[in-house]
N, C-alpha and C. Protein backbone atom coordinates (compact mmCIF):
# COMPACT_ATOMS: atom_id res chain seq x y z
N MET A 1 -12.71 -40.22 6.28
CA MET A 1 -11.32 -40.43 5.63
C MET A 1 -10.22 -39.93 5.97
N HIS A 2 -8.94 -40.67 6.23
CA HIS A 2 -8.07 -40.29 6.91
C HIS A 2 -6.91 -41.49 5.81
N LEU A 3 -5.68 -39.72 5.45
CA LEU A 3 -4.53 -40.68 4.60
C LEU A 3 -3.54 -40.96 5.65
N SER A 4 -3.02 -42.30 5.96
CA SER A 4 -1.81 -42.03 6.78
C SER A 4 -0.67 -41.79 6.08
N LYS A 5 0.63 -41.26 7.06
CA LYS A 5 1.82 -40.96 6.37
C LYS A 5 2.60 -42.45 5.51
N TYR A 6 2.24 -43.41 5.70
CA TYR A 6 2.13 -44.74 4.33
C TYR A 6 1.85 -44.55 3.23
N GLY A 7 0.74 -43.57 3.49
CA GLY A 7 0.31 -43.64 1.77
C GLY A 7 -1.31 -44.20 2.20
N LEU A 8 -1.67 -45.16 2.47
CA LEU A 8 -2.88 -45.42 2.76
C LEU A 8 -4.03 -44.69 3.26
N ILE A 9 -5.06 -44.85 2.65
CA ILE A 9 -6.37 -44.47 3.35
C ILE A 9 -6.83 -45.53 4.43
N HIS A 10 -7.50 -44.63 5.25
CA HIS A 10 -8.29 -45.25 6.36
C HIS A 10 -9.80 -44.92 6.78
N LEU A 11 -10.33 -45.74 6.27
CA LEU A 11 -11.71 -45.56 6.29
C LEU A 11 -12.50 -47.13 6.70
N THR A 12 -13.77 -46.90 7.74
CA THR A 12 -14.46 -47.98 7.30
C THR A 12 -15.18 -49.03 6.49
N TYR A 13 -15.65 -50.17 6.81
CA TYR A 13 -16.28 -50.63 5.87
C TYR A 13 -17.60 -50.20 5.33
N GLN A 14 -17.97 -50.10 6.41
CA GLN A 14 -19.62 -48.95 6.02
C GLN A 14 -19.26 -47.45 5.52
N GLU A 15 -18.59 -47.11 5.90
CA GLU A 15 -17.67 -45.58 5.06
C GLU A 15 -17.84 -46.40 3.52
N LEU A 16 -16.62 -47.51 3.17
CA LEU A 16 -15.96 -47.82 1.65
C LEU A 16 -17.76 -48.43 1.05
N THR A 17 -18.67 -48.68 1.72
CA THR A 17 -19.78 -49.22 1.04
C THR A 17 -20.95 -47.87 0.18
N LEU A 18 -19.97 -46.58 0.81
CA LEU A 18 -21.30 -45.70 0.74
C LEU A 18 -20.29 -44.36 -0.83
N ILE A 19 -19.33 -45.08 -0.86
CA ILE A 19 -18.31 -44.33 -2.21
C ILE A 19 -18.76 -45.09 -3.37
N LYS A 20 -19.03 -44.21 -4.47
CA LYS A 20 -18.96 -44.10 -5.88
C LYS A 20 -17.35 -45.07 -6.50
N PHE A 21 -17.65 -45.87 -7.01
CA PHE A 21 -16.30 -46.55 -7.91
C PHE A 21 -16.38 -46.42 -9.69
N ASN A 22 -15.40 -45.90 -9.91
CA ASN A 22 -16.03 -45.80 -11.58
C ASN A 22 -14.94 -46.66 -12.49
N HIS A 23 -15.15 -47.21 -13.61
CA HIS A 23 -14.17 -48.40 -13.94
C HIS A 23 -12.98 -47.56 -14.22
N LEU A 24 -11.57 -48.25 -14.30
CA LEU A 24 -10.66 -47.23 -15.20
C LEU A 24 -9.85 -47.89 -15.98
N LEU A 25 -10.07 -49.30 -15.77
CA LEU A 25 -9.17 -50.04 -16.78
C LEU A 25 -9.84 -51.45 -17.24
N SER A 26 -9.14 -52.36 -17.70
CA SER A 26 -9.49 -53.70 -17.47
C SER A 26 -8.55 -54.10 -19.14
N GLY A 27 -8.27 -55.42 -18.85
CA GLY A 27 -7.30 -56.32 -19.66
C GLY A 27 -7.49 -57.61 -19.58
N VAL A 28 -7.31 -58.29 -20.98
CA VAL A 28 -6.42 -59.92 -20.86
C VAL A 28 -5.06 -60.49 -20.77
N ASP A 29 -5.11 -60.98 -19.47
CA ASP A 29 -3.63 -61.73 -19.27
C ASP A 29 -3.00 -61.88 -20.66
N THR A 30 -1.99 -62.19 -20.95
CA THR A 30 -1.59 -62.52 -22.47
C THR A 30 -0.40 -64.07 -21.78
N GLU A 31 -0.28 -65.31 -22.09
CA GLU A 31 0.49 -66.10 -21.96
C GLU A 31 1.89 -66.33 -23.43
N LEU A 32 2.81 -66.25 -22.59
CA LEU A 32 3.89 -66.25 -23.31
C LEU A 32 3.96 -67.74 -23.85
N ILE A 33 3.83 -68.81 -24.53
CA ILE A 33 3.57 -69.86 -24.51
C ILE A 33 4.39 -70.47 -26.05
N SER A 34 5.55 -71.19 -26.12
CA SER A 34 6.22 -71.23 -27.01
C SER A 34 4.93 -71.96 -28.31
N PRO A 35 5.29 -72.03 -29.48
CA PRO A 35 3.94 -73.24 -30.31
C PRO A 35 4.57 -74.32 -30.53
N GLU A 36 5.20 -74.80 -29.83
CA GLU A 36 4.81 -76.66 -29.45
C GLU A 36 4.17 -76.77 -28.16
N ASP A 37 4.39 -75.99 -27.30
CA ASP A 37 3.74 -75.81 -26.16
C ASP A 37 2.07 -75.73 -26.87
N ASP A 38 1.88 -74.85 -26.89
CA ASP A 38 0.64 -74.43 -27.60
C ASP A 38 -0.67 -75.31 -27.95
N CYS A 39 -0.29 -76.27 -28.85
CA CYS A 39 -1.23 -77.18 -30.00
C CYS A 39 -1.81 -78.14 -28.61
N GLY A 40 -3.19 -78.42 -28.51
CA GLY A 40 -3.85 -79.34 -27.40
C GLY A 40 -3.99 -79.17 -26.04
N ARG A 41 -3.06 -77.79 -26.41
CA ARG A 41 -2.86 -77.32 -24.32
C ARG A 41 -4.22 -76.51 -24.02
N PRO A 42 -5.34 -77.34 -22.48
CA PRO A 42 -5.96 -76.01 -22.25
C PRO A 42 -5.78 -74.66 -21.94
N THR A 43 -6.89 -73.80 -21.90
CA THR A 43 -6.52 -72.70 -21.85
C THR A 43 -7.04 -71.91 -20.75
N GLU A 44 -6.78 -70.71 -20.40
CA GLU A 44 -7.53 -70.07 -19.64
C GLU A 44 -8.04 -68.81 -19.52
N LEU A 45 -8.97 -68.32 -19.94
CA LEU A 45 -8.80 -66.44 -19.72
C LEU A 45 -9.03 -66.22 -19.06
N SER A 46 -8.18 -65.04 -18.43
CA SER A 46 -8.39 -64.53 -17.35
C SER A 46 -7.62 -63.20 -18.16
N GLY A 47 -8.05 -61.77 -16.86
CA GLY A 47 -7.20 -61.00 -16.71
C GLY A 47 -7.37 -60.05 -15.43
N PHE A 48 -7.26 -58.51 -15.77
CA PHE A 48 -7.31 -57.60 -14.61
C PHE A 48 -8.20 -56.36 -14.56
N THR A 49 -8.79 -55.99 -13.54
CA THR A 49 -9.39 -54.49 -13.89
C THR A 49 -8.90 -53.46 -12.41
N GLU A 50 -8.79 -52.76 -12.65
CA GLU A 50 -8.78 -51.38 -11.88
C GLU A 50 -9.89 -50.29 -11.82
N TRP A 51 -9.90 -49.96 -10.74
CA TRP A 51 -11.65 -48.84 -10.64
C TRP A 51 -10.98 -48.26 -9.77
N THR A 52 -11.73 -46.58 -9.68
CA THR A 52 -11.09 -45.67 -8.87
C THR A 52 -12.42 -44.90 -8.39
N SER A 53 -12.39 -43.93 -7.18
CA SER A 53 -13.23 -43.22 -6.48
C SER A 53 -13.12 -41.81 -6.78
N GLU A 54 -14.11 -41.43 -6.56
CA GLU A 54 -14.16 -39.48 -6.93
C GLU A 54 -14.18 -39.16 -5.63
N THR A 55 -13.54 -39.59 -4.78
CA THR A 55 -12.82 -38.71 -3.69
C THR A 55 -11.48 -38.39 -3.69
N GLU A 56 -11.52 -37.26 -2.61
CA GLU A 56 -10.08 -36.83 -2.45
C GLU A 56 -9.88 -37.44 -1.34
N PRO A 57 -8.49 -37.78 -0.89
CA PRO A 57 -7.60 -38.58 -2.01
C PRO A 57 -8.53 -39.79 -2.80
N ILE A 58 -7.95 -40.01 -3.76
CA ILE A 58 -8.62 -41.22 -4.49
C ILE A 58 -8.24 -42.68 -4.42
N ILE A 59 -9.13 -43.28 -3.92
CA ILE A 59 -8.92 -44.79 -3.44
C ILE A 59 -8.66 -46.03 -4.74
N THR A 60 -7.90 -46.48 -4.61
CA THR A 60 -8.28 -47.68 -6.13
C THR A 60 -8.07 -48.82 -5.41
N ILE A 61 -8.83 -49.58 -6.31
CA ILE A 61 -8.83 -50.82 -6.08
C ILE A 61 -9.24 -51.84 -6.81
N GLY A 62 -8.44 -52.75 -7.53
CA GLY A 62 -8.32 -53.74 -8.48
C GLY A 62 -7.58 -55.14 -7.73
N TRP A 63 -8.42 -55.99 -9.38
CA TRP A 63 -8.25 -57.69 -9.34
C TRP A 63 -8.18 -57.89 -9.95
N ASP A 64 -7.91 -59.61 -10.32
CA ASP A 64 -7.91 -60.78 -10.77
C ASP A 64 -8.92 -60.98 -11.27
N TRP A 65 -9.72 -62.04 -12.55
CA TRP A 65 -10.83 -61.96 -12.58
C TRP A 65 -10.04 -63.27 -13.78
N SER A 66 -11.07 -63.97 -13.91
CA SER A 66 -11.17 -65.74 -14.94
C SER A 66 -12.16 -65.63 -15.56
N VAL A 67 -12.58 -66.24 -16.44
CA VAL A 67 -13.68 -66.61 -17.45
C VAL A 67 -14.17 -68.06 -16.68
N LYS A 68 -15.88 -68.00 -16.33
CA LYS A 68 -15.88 -69.59 -15.90
C LYS A 68 -17.40 -69.69 -16.68
N TYR A 69 -17.60 -71.29 -16.80
CA TYR A 69 -18.89 -71.64 -17.51
C TYR A 69 -19.45 -72.25 -16.51
N LYS A 70 -20.72 -72.23 -16.70
CA LYS A 70 -21.67 -73.43 -15.82
C LYS A 70 -23.04 -73.07 -16.54
N ASP A 71 -23.63 -74.30 -16.54
CA ASP A 71 -24.78 -74.20 -17.57
C ASP A 71 -25.05 -73.92 -18.42
N GLY A 72 -23.82 -73.92 -19.49
CA GLY A 72 -23.53 -72.89 -20.87
C GLY A 72 -23.88 -71.52 -20.41
N PHE A 73 -23.45 -70.90 -19.69
CA PHE A 73 -23.22 -69.72 -19.83
C PHE A 73 -21.61 -69.19 -18.92
N MET A 74 -21.53 -68.07 -20.10
CA MET A 74 -20.47 -67.71 -19.02
C MET A 74 -20.35 -66.39 -18.00
N TYR A 75 -19.25 -66.32 -17.31
CA TYR A 75 -19.86 -65.17 -16.08
C TYR A 75 -17.93 -65.00 -15.87
N LEU A 76 -17.91 -63.84 -15.36
CA LEU A 76 -16.37 -63.32 -14.62
C LEU A 76 -16.61 -63.71 -13.25
N GLU A 77 -15.61 -64.45 -12.77
CA GLU A 77 -15.22 -64.80 -11.45
C GLU A 77 -13.92 -63.71 -10.74
N ARG A 78 -13.97 -63.03 -9.76
CA ARG A 78 -12.37 -63.18 -9.08
C ARG A 78 -11.57 -63.79 -8.84
N VAL A 79 -10.55 -63.45 -8.84
CA VAL A 79 -9.23 -64.69 -8.87
C VAL A 79 -8.52 -63.85 -7.51
N GLY A 80 -8.26 -64.37 -6.41
CA GLY A 80 -6.84 -63.70 -5.53
C GLY A 80 -8.38 -62.75 -4.84
N GLN A 81 -6.99 -61.95 -3.80
CA GLN A 81 -7.41 -60.91 -3.19
C GLN A 81 -7.42 -59.63 -4.05
N PRO A 82 -8.13 -58.43 -3.90
CA PRO A 82 -8.02 -56.85 -4.32
C PRO A 82 -6.32 -56.75 -4.04
N ARG A 83 -6.45 -55.83 -5.05
CA ARG A 83 -5.04 -54.76 -4.62
C ARG A 83 -5.67 -53.84 -4.32
N SER A 84 -4.99 -53.14 -3.39
CA SER A 84 -5.80 -51.31 -2.91
C SER A 84 -4.73 -50.54 -2.75
N ASN A 85 -5.37 -49.32 -2.02
CA ASN A 85 -4.61 -48.44 -1.31
C ASN A 85 -5.27 -48.06 -0.14
N LEU A 86 -6.01 -49.24 0.33
CA LEU A 86 -7.25 -48.71 1.70
C LEU A 86 -6.72 -49.90 2.65
N MET A 87 -6.58 -49.20 3.97
CA MET A 87 -6.34 -50.00 5.22
C MET A 87 -7.76 -49.64 5.92
N LEU A 88 -8.55 -50.77 5.92
CA LEU A 88 -9.90 -50.70 6.21
C LEU A 88 -10.16 -50.44 8.47
N VAL A 89 -10.71 -49.82 9.10
CA VAL A 89 -10.56 -49.99 10.04
C VAL A 89 -12.09 -50.06 10.89
N ASP A 90 -11.89 -50.43 12.27
CA ASP A 90 -13.05 -50.47 12.78
C ASP A 90 -13.70 -49.02 13.33
N ASP A 91 -15.04 -49.65 13.91
CA ASP A 91 -15.72 -48.47 14.13
C ASP A 91 -14.97 -47.65 15.57
N HIS A 92 -13.57 -47.95 16.05
CA HIS A 92 -12.62 -47.27 16.56
C HIS A 92 -11.76 -46.86 16.08
N LYS A 93 -11.27 -46.54 14.63
CA LYS A 93 -10.72 -46.05 13.68
C LYS A 93 -9.14 -47.53 14.13
N ILE A 94 -9.27 -48.46 15.03
CA ILE A 94 -8.12 -49.26 15.31
C ILE A 94 -8.08 -50.40 13.64
N MET A 95 -6.91 -49.91 12.73
CA MET A 95 -6.66 -50.89 12.14
C MET A 95 -6.79 -52.27 12.07
N PHE A 96 -7.19 -53.09 10.51
CA PHE A 96 -8.11 -54.56 10.77
C PHE A 96 -6.36 -55.01 10.39
N GLN A 97 -5.91 -56.16 10.68
CA GLN A 97 -4.72 -57.00 10.18
C GLN A 97 -4.86 -57.14 8.90
N TRP A 98 -3.70 -57.44 8.45
CA TRP A 98 -3.67 -57.09 6.92
C TRP A 98 -4.72 -58.46 5.80
N ILE A 99 -4.56 -59.12 6.60
CA ILE A 99 -5.34 -60.51 5.81
C ILE A 99 -7.00 -59.97 6.28
N ASP A 100 -7.06 -60.02 7.72
CA ASP A 100 -8.67 -59.07 7.45
C ASP A 100 -9.12 -58.28 6.48
N ASN A 101 -7.89 -57.49 6.55
CA ASN A 101 -8.79 -55.95 5.16
C ASN A 101 -8.41 -56.65 4.26
N LEU A 102 -7.93 -57.76 3.63
CA LEU A 102 -8.00 -57.92 2.34
C LEU A 102 -9.22 -59.10 2.19
N ASP A 103 -10.06 -59.51 3.20
CA ASP A 103 -11.24 -60.65 3.41
C ASP A 103 -12.09 -59.18 2.82
N HIS A 104 -12.05 -57.78 3.70
CA HIS A 104 -13.41 -57.08 3.54
C HIS A 104 -13.60 -56.89 2.67
N LEU A 105 -12.37 -56.42 1.72
CA LEU A 105 -12.03 -56.13 0.80
C LEU A 105 -13.08 -56.90 -0.81
N SER A 106 -12.38 -58.05 -0.52
CA SER A 106 -12.53 -58.73 -0.91
C SER A 106 -14.54 -58.61 -0.83
N ARG A 107 -14.70 -59.27 -0.12
CA ARG A 107 -16.50 -59.24 0.54
C ARG A 107 -16.95 -58.20 -0.65
N PHE A 108 -16.36 -56.58 -0.38
CA PHE A 108 -16.95 -55.11 -1.04
C PHE A 108 -16.47 -55.30 -2.65
N VAL A 109 -15.48 -56.35 -3.00
CA VAL A 109 -16.01 -56.45 -4.67
C VAL A 109 -16.76 -57.55 -5.23
N ASP A 110 -16.95 -58.43 -4.57
CA ASP A 110 -18.23 -59.63 -4.50
C ASP A 110 -19.36 -58.78 -4.35
N SER A 111 -19.80 -57.91 -3.06
CA SER A 111 -20.98 -57.19 -3.53
C SER A 111 -21.62 -56.12 -4.58
N PHE A 112 -20.39 -55.81 -5.54
CA PHE A 112 -20.65 -54.70 -6.66
C PHE A 112 -20.94 -55.43 -7.76
N LEU A 113 -22.04 -54.93 -8.94
CA LEU A 113 -21.49 -55.51 -10.02
C LEU A 113 -20.66 -54.71 -10.76
N TRP A 114 -19.84 -55.72 -11.56
CA TRP A 114 -18.07 -55.55 -12.29
C TRP A 114 -18.28 -56.07 -13.40
N SER A 115 -18.98 -57.08 -13.57
CA SER A 115 -18.77 -58.19 -14.52
C SER A 115 -18.68 -57.70 -16.23
N LYS A 116 -19.97 -57.27 -16.07
CA LYS A 116 -20.55 -56.47 -17.32
C LYS A 116 -19.20 -55.13 -17.68
N THR A 117 -19.62 -54.54 -16.76
CA THR A 117 -19.12 -53.54 -17.36
C THR A 117 -17.00 -54.40 -18.16
N VAL A 118 -16.52 -54.81 -17.21
CA VAL A 118 -15.29 -55.59 -17.74
C VAL A 118 -15.42 -56.16 -18.93
N GLN A 119 -16.22 -56.85 -19.38
CA GLN A 119 -16.54 -57.52 -20.12
C GLN A 119 -16.25 -56.92 -21.70
N GLU A 120 -17.27 -55.50 -21.13
CA GLU A 120 -17.65 -54.90 -22.14
C GLU A 120 -16.39 -53.54 -22.81
N SER A 121 -15.19 -53.55 -21.73
CA SER A 121 -14.22 -52.59 -21.90
C SER A 121 -13.43 -53.90 -22.63
N VAL A 122 -13.55 -54.74 -22.26
CA VAL A 122 -11.74 -55.68 -23.40
C VAL A 122 -12.73 -56.30 -24.61
N SER A 123 -13.87 -56.30 -24.63
CA SER A 123 -14.74 -56.42 -25.88
C SER A 123 -14.33 -55.42 -26.80
N LEU A 124 -14.12 -54.23 -26.15
CA LEU A 124 -14.09 -53.20 -26.63
C LEU A 124 -12.65 -52.49 -27.65
N ALA A 125 -11.62 -52.82 -26.34
CA ALA A 125 -10.27 -52.69 -26.68
C ALA A 125 -10.00 -54.21 -27.80
N ASN A 126 -10.50 -54.99 -27.73
CA ASN A 126 -10.07 -56.12 -28.40
C ASN A 126 -10.97 -55.55 -29.99
N LYS A 127 -12.04 -54.72 -30.21
CA LYS A 127 -12.30 -54.50 -31.91
C LYS A 127 -11.53 -53.54 -31.87
N SER A 128 -10.92 -52.10 -31.16
CA SER A 128 -9.93 -51.58 -31.68
C SER A 128 -8.68 -51.90 -32.32
N LEU A 129 -8.68 -53.76 -31.96
CA LEU A 129 -7.25 -53.56 -32.46
C LEU A 129 -7.40 -54.09 -33.54
N ASN A 130 -8.67 -54.41 -34.56
CA ASN A 130 -9.16 -54.46 -35.74
C ASN A 130 -8.51 -55.94 -36.33
N ILE A 131 -8.40 -57.24 -35.28
CA ILE A 131 -8.31 -58.15 -35.76
C ILE A 131 -9.32 -59.06 -36.74
N ASN A 132 -8.72 -59.33 -37.44
CA ASN A 132 -9.54 -60.60 -38.57
C ASN A 132 -9.45 -62.18 -38.45
């Protein structure tokens, strides 16, 4: 792992897969909709999540998600590319192009189980608001 002068952490995909990440926070997106536009309008529930490593320097990776339904079951799905302070490199320590970096980070995010943790976090946050 190497910290560049630009603040990006360089490591290989293989090194990334060996790092433990902890959930930092998740939230639900809020839409600013006027009451006139609200009635009868389809909605989509979406949000964001952020995770951090236990390494030094700390790696952060976050992404957006939305709620999907299929065959009567609800699940969360990553939306768009992740955000991170990582720049992945190949085995020769050569940086990937940014779009390839994002594709690898997307594959990494999709490889681990994050949905249940995010659902629990959002649920707990909503309960703490004590909305009836």
